[in-house]
Amino acid sequence: GIDISVTSSARLWLGDRGYDPQYGARPLKRVIQQEIHNALAMVLLNGRFGDGDVIAIDLDPVADALTFTAVKDDALTG
C-alpha cells in the first residue's frame, strides 16, 4: 500500500479553502477530493509513486498549490 502524510501548512491551506461562513466545514470534503484525492489518483496512474511509498503532501506557497513527494518513512518521524 501507499501511506500519506499531510503537513501542517497543507492542512491549514485545505481548511482555509474548505470553510465557508454559511456552510461551515461542509465544503471541506469537496476540497479534499479535488486537491488530494483527484491529484493523487493522477500521479498514481502516471506511475510516479508505487507500492510501499510514503507520500508527503505539502504546500508550495509560491504556486499556492499542494505538492506530492515520496519520502522515506523515517524522515517523517524525525
Protein backbone atom coordinates (compact mmCIF):
# COMPACT_ATOMS: atom_id res chain seq x y z
CA GLY A 1 0.00 0.00 0.00
CA ILE A 2 0.80 3.65 -0.02
CA ASP A 3 0.79 5.90 3.04
CA ILE A 4 0.34 9.65 3.05
CA SER A 5 1.47 12.34 5.44
CA VAL A 6 -0.03 15.84 5.31
CA THR A 7 1.99 18.77 6.67
CA SER A 8 0.51 21.41 8.95
CA SER A 9 0.74 24.06 6.24
CA ALA A 10 -1.14 21.82 3.80
CA ARG A 11 -3.82 21.17 6.43
CA LEU A 12 -4.25 24.89 7.07
CA TRP A 13 -4.44 25.55 3.32
CA LEU A 14 -7.13 22.88 2.93
CA GLY A 15 -9.01 24.25 5.93
CA ASP A 16 -8.97 27.78 4.54
CA ARG A 17 -10.39 26.57 1.24
CA GLY A 18 -12.83 24.15 2.84
CA TYR A 19 -14.51 26.59 5.19
CA ASP A 20 -17.49 28.71 4.21
CA PRO A 21 -19.14 31.08 6.72
CA GLN A 22 -22.58 29.95 5.59
CA TYR A 23 -21.93 26.19 5.48
CA GLY A 24 -19.12 25.79 7.99
CA ALA A 25 -16.71 22.97 7.14
CA ARG A 26 -19.12 21.05 4.89
CA PRO A 27 -17.28 22.10 1.70
CA LEU A 28 -14.07 20.58 3.12
CA LYS A 29 -14.90 17.15 1.71
CA ARG A 30 -15.12 18.57 -1.81
CA VAL A 31 -11.83 20.46 -1.40
CA ILE A 32 -10.07 17.32 -0.15
CA GLN A 33 -11.47 15.33 -3.06
CA GLN A 34 -10.38 17.92 -5.63
CA GLU A 35 -7.00 18.82 -4.20
CA ILE A 36 -5.81 15.48 -2.79
CA HIS A 37 -7.91 12.55 -3.99
CA ASN A 38 -8.08 13.52 -7.67
CA ALA A 39 -4.49 14.78 -7.85
CA LEU A 40 -3.17 11.71 -6.06
CA ALA A 41 -5.08 9.43 -8.43
CA MET A 42 -3.45 11.13 -11.40
CA VAL A 43 0.11 10.80 -10.09
CA LEU A 44 -0.50 7.17 -9.17
CA LEU A 45 -1.87 6.40 -12.63
CA ASN A 46 1.18 8.07 -14.16
CA GLY A 47 3.42 5.72 -12.16
CA ARG A 48 5.09 8.47 -10.16
CA PHE A 49 4.59 6.55 -6.90
CA GLY A 50 4.36 2.86 -6.18
CA ASP A 51 3.58 0.25 -3.59
CA GLY A 52 5.33 0.92 -0.30
CA ASP A 53 5.89 4.64 -0.88
CA VAL A 54 5.10 7.26 1.73
CA ILE A 55 3.79 10.40 0.06
CA ALA A 56 4.26 13.74 1.81
CA ILE A 57 1.62 16.28 0.91
CA ASP A 58 2.89 19.81 1.48
CA LEU A 59 2.06 23.34 0.42
CA ASP A 60 4.05 25.26 -2.16
CA PRO A 61 3.25 28.82 -1.05
CA VAL A 62 4.62 30.38 -4.24
CA ALA A 63 2.39 28.27 -6.50
CA ASP A 64 -0.40 28.26 -3.89
CA ALA A 65 -0.82 24.55 -4.55
CA LEU A 66 -0.20 21.21 -2.89
CA THR A 67 2.87 19.14 -3.72
CA PHE A 68 3.25 15.36 -3.57
CA THR A 69 6.69 13.95 -2.78
CA ALA A 70 7.89 10.44 -1.95
CA VAL A 71 9.76 10.40 1.35
CA LYS A 72 11.44 7.77 3.44
CA ASP A 73 9.32 6.61 6.37
CA ASP A 74 11.98 7.62 8.91
CA ALA A 75 12.05 11.18 7.51
CA LEU A 76 8.51 11.65 8.80
CA THR A 77 9.34 10.62 12.35
CA GLY A 78 12.45 12.78 12.51
